[in-house]
Amino acid sequence: MRPPLDGLLETAVYVDDMDAAHAFYQDILGLKRMVKGTRLFAYDAGPAQALLVFHRGHTGEDVETPGGTVPGHDTEGHGHFAFRIAADQIGAWRRYLQDRQVEIISEVAWPAGGTSLYFRDPDGNVLELAAPPLWPNFT
């Protein structure tokens, strides 16, 4: 029998400019940085959730830690992830992003009734603010 999963703990994005990424994720999105390293920043993205911001090109090698080896990983191109927000916050987020000159590149009204706002971080990664209902498990 397969053991259960408890959900996603981390999602990752890769950037070229760590300082610009930090300014965006902390100052624009209001995420608190929990870890600051040369190859990784980790942000509190909600209860038991972390956003990992990796320095592109600096994470391909394995990293030895006192507790074991962290396998190397990296990616090219632009990544994507979504933050969930309450349905009644779409308008507030739209105004907030516009006030901070963050271009909303797309807005999608989903068949299930939810809405998503799409925008980019300074490295071009596509971020989404998603309001329910969107997926059958996100109502």
N, C-alpha and C. Protein backbone atom coordinates (compact mmCIF):
# COMPACT_ATOMS: atom_id res chain seq x y z
N MET A 1 0.84 -1.19 0.00
CA MET A 1 0.00 0.00 0.00
C MET A 1 0.88 1.25 0.00
N ARG A 2 0.50 2.23 -0.81
CA ARG A 2 1.27 3.47 -0.91
C ARG A 2 1.01 4.34 0.32
N PRO A 3 2.08 4.85 0.97
CA PRO A 3 1.89 5.78 2.08
C PRO A 3 1.32 7.11 1.57
N PRO A 4 0.63 7.86 2.41
CA PRO A 4 0.02 9.11 1.96
C PRO A 4 1.03 10.24 1.82
N LEU A 5 0.72 11.18 0.93
CA LEU A 5 1.45 12.44 0.85
C LEU A 5 0.67 13.49 1.64
N ASP A 6 1.39 14.43 2.25
CA ASP A 6 0.74 15.48 3.03
C ASP A 6 0.68 16.81 2.29
N GLY A 7 1.07 16.85 1.02
CA GLY A 7 1.04 18.09 0.26
C GLY A 7 2.42 18.51 -0.17
N LEU A 8 2.51 19.66 -0.80
CA LEU A 8 3.80 20.19 -1.25
C LEU A 8 4.39 21.06 -0.15
N LEU A 9 5.66 20.88 0.11
CA LEU A 9 6.37 21.65 1.12
C LEU A 9 7.13 22.81 0.50
N GLU A 10 7.78 22.57 -0.64
CA GLU A 10 8.63 23.57 -1.27
C GLU A 10 8.31 23.65 -2.76
N THR A 11 8.48 24.82 -3.30
CA THR A 11 8.55 25.00 -4.73
C THR A 11 9.76 25.87 -4.99
N ALA A 12 10.34 25.73 -6.17
CA ALA A 12 11.60 26.42 -6.45
C ALA A 12 11.51 27.23 -7.73
N VAL A 13 12.28 28.29 -7.75
CA VAL A 13 12.44 29.12 -8.93
C VAL A 13 13.93 29.44 -9.02
N TYR A 14 14.42 29.60 -10.24
CA TYR A 14 15.83 29.87 -10.47
C TYR A 14 15.98 31.26 -11.05
N VAL A 15 16.93 32.02 -10.51
CA VAL A 15 17.12 33.42 -10.92
C VAL A 15 18.59 33.69 -11.18
N ASP A 16 18.85 34.74 -11.96
CA ASP A 16 20.22 35.17 -12.22
C ASP A 16 20.68 36.26 -11.25
N ASP A 17 19.76 37.08 -10.79
CA ASP A 17 20.09 38.21 -9.92
C ASP A 17 19.42 38.02 -8.57
N MET A 18 20.19 37.53 -7.61
CA MET A 18 19.65 37.24 -6.29
C MET A 18 19.17 38.50 -5.57
N ASP A 19 19.87 39.61 -5.72
CA ASP A 19 19.46 40.85 -5.05
C ASP A 19 18.13 41.36 -5.59
N ALA A 20 17.97 41.35 -6.91
CA ALA A 20 16.71 41.79 -7.51
C ALA A 20 15.57 40.85 -7.10
N ALA A 21 15.86 39.55 -7.06
CA ALA A 21 14.84 38.59 -6.64
C ALA A 21 14.43 38.86 -5.20
N HIS A 22 15.40 39.10 -4.33
CA HIS A 22 15.07 39.36 -2.93
C HIS A 22 14.22 40.61 -2.80
N ALA A 23 14.59 41.68 -3.49
CA ALA A 23 13.80 42.90 -3.43
C ALA A 23 12.36 42.64 -3.87
N PHE A 24 12.19 41.84 -4.91
CA PHE A 24 10.85 41.54 -5.42
C PHE A 24 10.06 40.68 -4.44
N TYR A 25 10.64 39.56 -4.03
CA TYR A 25 9.89 38.62 -3.20
C TYR A 25 9.64 39.17 -1.80
N GLN A 26 10.56 39.97 -1.28
CA GLN A 26 10.35 40.56 0.04
C GLN A 26 9.53 41.84 -0.04
N ASP A 27 9.96 42.78 -0.87
CA ASP A 27 9.34 44.10 -0.87
C ASP A 27 8.00 44.14 -1.61
N ILE A 28 7.89 43.45 -2.73
CA ILE A 28 6.65 43.48 -3.51
C ILE A 28 5.65 42.46 -2.97
N LEU A 29 6.10 41.21 -2.79
CA LEU A 29 5.16 40.16 -2.36
C LEU A 29 5.09 39.99 -0.85
N GLY A 30 6.01 40.60 -0.11
CA GLY A 30 5.93 40.56 1.35
C GLY A 30 6.34 39.25 1.99
N LEU A 31 7.13 38.43 1.28
CA LEU A 31 7.57 37.17 1.86
C LEU A 31 8.77 37.39 2.78
N LYS A 32 8.75 36.71 3.91
CA LYS A 32 9.86 36.81 4.87
C LYS A 32 10.94 35.80 4.51
N ARG A 33 12.17 36.29 4.38
CA ARG A 33 13.28 35.38 4.07
C ARG A 33 13.66 34.63 5.34
N MET A 34 13.74 33.30 5.22
CA MET A 34 14.11 32.44 6.34
C MET A 34 15.56 32.01 6.26
N VAL A 35 16.10 31.90 5.04
CA VAL A 35 17.48 31.45 4.81
C VAL A 35 18.10 32.36 3.77
N LYS A 36 19.34 32.79 4.05
CA LYS A 36 20.11 33.57 3.08
C LYS A 36 21.44 32.87 2.88
N GLY A 37 21.68 32.42 1.65
CA GLY A 37 22.94 31.77 1.33
C GLY A 37 23.45 32.31 0.00
N THR A 38 24.57 31.81 -0.44
CA THR A 38 25.13 32.27 -1.70
C THR A 38 24.42 31.65 -2.90
N ARG A 39 23.81 30.49 -2.71
CA ARG A 39 23.13 29.82 -3.82
C ARG A 39 21.63 29.67 -3.62
N LEU A 40 21.13 30.08 -2.45
CA LEU A 40 19.73 29.84 -2.11
C LEU A 40 19.23 30.88 -1.14
N PHE A 41 18.03 31.40 -1.42
CA PHE A 41 17.24 32.12 -0.43
C PHE A 41 15.98 31.29 -0.24
N ALA A 42 15.51 31.16 1.00
CA ALA A 42 14.26 30.46 1.27
C ALA A 42 13.31 31.43 1.94
N TYR A 43 12.06 31.45 1.46
CA TYR A 43 11.05 32.37 1.95
C TYR A 43 9.86 31.62 2.52
N ASP A 44 9.27 32.19 3.57
CA ASP A 44 8.04 31.67 4.15
C ASP A 44 6.91 32.03 3.20
N ALA A 45 6.29 31.01 2.59
CA ALA A 45 5.23 31.22 1.61
C ALA A 45 3.86 30.82 2.17
N GLY A 46 3.76 30.64 3.46
CA GLY A 46 2.50 30.25 4.09
C GLY A 46 2.75 29.11 5.05
N PRO A 47 1.72 28.71 5.77
CA PRO A 47 1.90 27.63 6.75
C PRO A 47 2.51 26.37 6.11
N ALA A 48 3.67 25.97 6.62
CA ALA A 48 4.38 24.76 6.17
C ALA A 48 4.69 24.79 4.67
N GLN A 49 4.94 25.99 4.11
CA GLN A 49 5.24 26.13 2.70
C GLN A 49 6.45 27.04 2.53
N ALA A 50 7.35 26.67 1.64
CA ALA A 50 8.56 27.47 1.41
C ALA A 50 8.74 27.69 -0.09
N LEU A 51 9.14 28.92 -0.43
CA LEU A 51 9.57 29.24 -1.78
C LEU A 51 11.08 29.29 -1.76
N LEU A 52 11.71 28.45 -2.57
CA LEU A 52 13.16 28.41 -2.66
C LEU A 52 13.58 29.16 -3.91
N VAL A 53 14.45 30.16 -3.73
CA VAL A 53 14.96 30.96 -4.84
C VAL A 53 16.43 30.59 -5.00
N PHE A 54 16.73 29.86 -6.07
CA PHE A 54 18.08 29.38 -6.31
C PHE A 54 18.80 30.28 -7.31
N HIS A 55 20.10 30.43 -7.11
CA HIS A 55 20.96 31.18 -8.02
C HIS A 55 21.26 30.29 -9.22
N ARG A 56 20.66 30.61 -10.35
CA ARG A 56 20.79 29.80 -11.56
C ARG A 56 22.27 29.57 -11.89
N GLY A 57 22.60 28.34 -12.23
CA GLY A 57 23.97 27.99 -12.60
C GLY A 57 24.87 27.69 -11.42
N HIS A 58 24.35 27.81 -10.20
CA HIS A 58 25.17 27.57 -9.01
C HIS A 58 24.64 26.42 -8.15
N THR A 59 23.74 25.63 -8.72
CA THR A 59 23.11 24.57 -7.93
C THR A 59 23.19 23.19 -8.57
N GLY A 60 23.95 23.07 -9.63
CA GLY A 60 24.02 21.81 -10.36
C GLY A 60 24.83 20.72 -9.68
N GLU A 61 25.72 21.12 -8.80
CA GLU A 61 26.57 20.16 -8.11
C GLU A 61 25.93 19.69 -6.80
N ASP A 62 26.21 18.46 -6.42
CA ASP A 62 25.77 17.97 -5.12
C ASP A 62 26.38 18.83 -4.02
N VAL A 63 25.65 18.96 -2.90
CA VAL A 63 26.13 19.71 -1.75
C VAL A 63 26.18 18.76 -0.55
N GLU A 64 27.35 18.64 0.02
CA GLU A 64 27.51 17.81 1.22
C GLU A 64 27.13 18.62 2.45
N THR A 65 26.28 18.06 3.29
CA THR A 65 25.91 18.68 4.56
C THR A 65 26.22 17.69 5.67
N PRO A 66 26.28 18.14 6.90
CA PRO A 66 26.52 17.19 8.01
C PRO A 66 25.49 16.07 8.06
N GLY A 67 24.28 16.34 7.55
CA GLY A 67 23.22 15.34 7.60
C GLY A 67 23.11 14.48 6.36
N GLY A 68 23.89 14.76 5.31
CA GLY A 68 23.81 13.98 4.08
C GLY A 68 23.99 14.85 2.85
N THR A 69 23.88 14.23 1.70
CA THR A 69 24.11 14.90 0.42
C THR A 69 22.80 15.42 -0.17
N VAL A 70 22.80 16.70 -0.54
CA VAL A 70 21.68 17.28 -1.27
C VAL A 70 22.03 17.18 -2.76
N PRO A 71 21.25 16.43 -3.54
CA PRO A 71 21.56 16.26 -4.95
C PRO A 71 21.49 17.60 -5.71
N GLY A 72 22.40 17.77 -6.66
CA GLY A 72 22.40 18.96 -7.49
C GLY A 72 21.17 19.02 -8.37
N HIS A 73 20.73 20.22 -8.69
CA HIS A 73 19.59 20.44 -9.57
C HIS A 73 19.72 21.83 -10.16
N ASP A 74 19.12 22.04 -11.31
CA ASP A 74 19.15 23.34 -11.96
C ASP A 74 18.10 23.31 -13.07
N THR A 75 17.82 24.45 -13.63
CA THR A 75 16.90 24.52 -14.74
C THR A 75 17.28 25.69 -15.63
N GLU A 76 16.81 25.65 -16.85
CA GLU A 76 16.99 26.76 -17.77
C GLU A 76 15.61 27.27 -18.15
N GLY A 77 15.56 28.51 -18.58
CA GLY A 77 14.28 29.09 -18.99
C GLY A 77 13.50 29.60 -17.80
N HIS A 78 12.28 30.00 -18.08
CA HIS A 78 11.43 30.61 -17.07
C HIS A 78 10.56 29.56 -16.40
N GLY A 79 10.51 29.62 -15.08
CA GLY A 79 9.66 28.72 -14.32
C GLY A 79 8.29 29.34 -14.07
N HIS A 80 7.44 28.59 -13.41
CA HIS A 80 6.09 29.05 -13.07
C HIS A 80 5.68 28.44 -11.74
N PHE A 81 5.02 29.23 -10.93
CA PHE A 81 4.34 28.73 -9.75
C PHE A 81 3.22 29.68 -9.40
N ALA A 82 2.30 29.24 -8.55
CA ALA A 82 1.14 30.04 -8.19
C ALA A 82 1.01 30.15 -6.68
N PHE A 83 0.63 31.34 -6.25
CA PHE A 83 0.20 31.56 -4.87
C PHE A 83 -1.32 31.49 -4.85
N ARG A 84 -1.88 30.87 -3.82
CA ARG A 84 -3.33 30.89 -3.72
C ARG A 84 -3.74 32.13 -2.92
N ILE A 85 -4.84 32.73 -3.35
CA ILE A 85 -5.39 33.89 -2.66
C ILE A 85 -6.89 33.70 -2.54
N ALA A 86 -7.51 34.46 -1.65
CA ALA A 86 -8.97 34.41 -1.49
C ALA A 86 -9.63 35.07 -2.70
N ALA A 87 -10.80 34.56 -3.06
CA ALA A 87 -11.52 35.07 -4.23
C ALA A 87 -11.81 36.56 -4.12
N ASP A 88 -12.08 37.04 -2.92
CA ASP A 88 -12.40 38.46 -2.76
C ASP A 88 -11.18 39.37 -2.76
N GLN A 89 -9.98 38.81 -3.01
CA GLN A 89 -8.75 39.60 -3.02
C GLN A 89 -8.20 39.87 -4.42
N ILE A 90 -8.86 39.37 -5.46
CA ILE A 90 -8.37 39.59 -6.84
C ILE A 90 -8.24 41.08 -7.14
N GLY A 91 -9.27 41.84 -6.88
CA GLY A 91 -9.24 43.28 -7.17
C GLY A 91 -8.16 43.99 -6.38
N ALA A 92 -8.01 43.66 -5.10
CA ALA A 92 -6.99 44.29 -4.27
C ALA A 92 -5.60 43.97 -4.79
N TRP A 93 -5.36 42.72 -5.20
CA TRP A 93 -4.05 42.36 -5.75
C TRP A 93 -3.82 43.04 -7.10
N ARG A 94 -4.84 43.13 -7.93
CA ARG A 94 -4.70 43.80 -9.22
C ARG A 94 -4.25 45.25 -9.01
N ARG A 95 -4.93 45.96 -8.12
CA ARG A 95 -4.57 47.35 -7.83
C ARG A 95 -3.18 47.45 -7.22
N TYR A 96 -2.87 46.55 -6.28
CA TYR A 96 -1.57 46.58 -5.61
C TYR A 96 -0.43 46.41 -6.61
N LEU A 97 -0.54 45.43 -7.49
CA LEU A 97 0.51 45.20 -8.48
C LEU A 97 0.63 46.39 -9.43
N GLN A 98 -0.49 46.91 -9.87
CA GLN A 98 -0.45 48.06 -10.77
C GLN A 98 0.20 49.27 -10.08
N ASP A 99 -0.12 49.49 -8.80
CA ASP A 99 0.46 50.61 -8.05
C ASP A 99 1.98 50.49 -7.93
N ARG A 100 2.49 49.27 -7.98
CA ARG A 100 3.93 49.04 -7.87
C ARG A 100 4.59 48.78 -9.21
N GLN A 101 3.90 49.11 -10.27
CA GLN A 101 4.40 48.97 -11.65
C GLN A 101 4.80 47.54 -11.98
N VAL A 102 4.11 46.57 -11.40
CA VAL A 102 4.29 45.17 -11.77
C VAL A 102 3.23 44.87 -12.83
N GLU A 103 3.68 44.61 -14.05
CA GLU A 103 2.76 44.41 -15.16
C GLU A 103 2.03 43.07 -15.03
N ILE A 104 0.72 43.14 -15.07
CA ILE A 104 -0.10 41.92 -15.15
C ILE A 104 -0.10 41.52 -16.62
N ILE A 105 0.49 40.35 -16.91
CA ILE A 105 0.63 39.95 -18.31
C ILE A 105 -0.57 39.18 -18.82
N SER A 106 -1.39 38.66 -17.88
CA SER A 106 -2.60 37.95 -18.29
C SER A 106 -3.52 37.83 -17.09
N GLU A 107 -4.82 37.81 -17.40
CA GLU A 107 -5.83 37.51 -16.40
C GLU A 107 -6.74 36.46 -17.00
N VAL A 108 -6.96 35.38 -16.26
CA VAL A 108 -7.75 34.27 -16.78
C VAL A 108 -8.93 34.02 -15.85
N ALA A 109 -10.13 33.96 -16.45
CA ALA A 109 -11.33 33.54 -15.73
C ALA A 109 -11.53 32.06 -16.07
N TRP A 110 -11.38 31.20 -15.08
CA TRP A 110 -11.41 29.76 -15.30
C TRP A 110 -12.85 29.23 -15.40
N PRO A 111 -13.06 28.14 -16.14
CA PRO A 111 -14.41 27.57 -16.29
C PRO A 111 -15.07 27.23 -14.95
N ALA A 112 -14.28 26.84 -13.96
CA ALA A 112 -14.85 26.49 -12.67
C ALA A 112 -15.29 27.73 -11.88
N GLY A 113 -14.85 28.93 -12.31
CA GLY A 113 -15.27 30.15 -11.64
C GLY A 113 -14.17 30.96 -11.02
N GLY A 114 -12.97 30.41 -10.88
CA GLY A 114 -11.86 31.13 -10.28
C GLY A 114 -11.20 32.08 -11.26
N THR A 115 -10.31 32.89 -10.73
CA THR A 115 -9.58 33.87 -11.53
C THR A 115 -8.10 33.80 -11.19
N SER A 116 -7.25 33.97 -12.20
CA SER A 116 -5.80 34.02 -12.01
C SER A 116 -5.25 35.29 -12.60
N LEU A 117 -4.31 35.90 -11.87
CA LEU A 117 -3.52 37.01 -12.37
C LEU A 117 -2.11 36.50 -12.59
N TYR A 118 -1.55 36.78 -13.75
CA TYR A 118 -0.19 36.35 -14.09
C TYR A 118 0.71 37.57 -14.23
N PHE A 119 1.94 37.46 -13.71
CA PHE A 119 2.93 38.52 -13.80
C PHE A 119 4.31 37.87 -13.72
N ARG A 120 5.35 38.66 -13.91
CA ARG A 120 6.71 38.11 -13.93
C ARG A 120 7.54 38.68 -12.79
N ASP A 121 8.49 37.86 -12.31
CA ASP A 121 9.48 38.38 -11.38
C ASP A 121 10.60 39.03 -12.19
N PRO A 122 11.60 39.63 -11.55
CA PRO A 122 12.65 40.33 -12.32
C PRO A 122 13.42 39.44 -13.29
N ASP A 123 13.44 38.11 -13.09
CA ASP A 123 14.15 37.21 -13.99
C ASP A 123 13.25 36.64 -15.08
N GLY A 124 11.98 37.02 -15.10
CA GLY A 124 11.07 36.55 -16.14
C GLY A 124 10.27 35.33 -15.77
N ASN A 125 10.44 34.79 -14.56
CA ASN A 125 9.62 33.67 -14.13
C ASN A 125 8.17 34.11 -14.05
N VAL A 126 7.25 33.23 -14.44
CA VAL A 126 5.83 33.56 -14.46
C VAL A 126 5.21 33.16 -13.13
N LEU A 127 4.69 34.16 -12.43
CA LEU A 127 4.02 33.94 -11.16
C LEU A 127 2.52 34.11 -11.37
N GLU A 128 1.77 33.44 -10.53
CA GLU A 128 0.32 33.46 -10.64
C GLU A 128 -0.27 33.68 -9.26
N LEU A 129 -1.29 34.51 -9.19
CA LEU A 129 -2.14 34.62 -8.01
C LEU A 129 -3.45 33.97 -8.41
N ALA A 130 -3.82 32.89 -7.75
CA ALA A 130 -4.97 32.09 -8.15
C ALA A 130 -6.03 32.11 -7.05
N ALA A 131 -7.25 32.45 -7.46
CA ALA A 131 -8.39 32.48 -6.54
C ALA A 131 -9.35 31.35 -6.90
N PRO A 132 -9.90 30.70 -5.89
CA PRO A 132 -10.82 29.59 -6.16
C PRO A 132 -12.16 30.09 -6.70
N PRO A 133 -12.91 29.15 -7.27
CA PRO A 133 -12.56 27.76 -7.55
C PRO A 133 -11.77 27.65 -8.84
N LEU A 134 -10.79 26.77 -8.81
CA LEU A 134 -9.91 26.61 -9.98
C LEU A 134 -9.77 25.12 -10.28
N TRP A 135 -9.20 24.39 -9.37
CA TRP A 135 -9.09 22.93 -9.49
C TRP A 135 -10.17 22.29 -8.62
N PRO A 136 -10.51 21.04 -8.89
CA PRO A 136 -11.50 20.38 -8.04
C PRO A 136 -11.10 20.34 -6.56
N ASN A 137 -9.79 20.37 -6.28
CA ASN A 137 -9.34 20.34 -4.88
C ASN A 137 -9.02 21.74 -4.36
N PHE A 138 -9.37 22.79 -5.08
CA PHE A 138 -9.13 24.17 -4.67
C PHE A 138 -10.41 24.96 -4.86
N THR A 139 -11.26 24.87 -3.86
CA THR A 139 -12.56 25.56 -3.93
C THR A 139 -12.70 26.55 -2.80
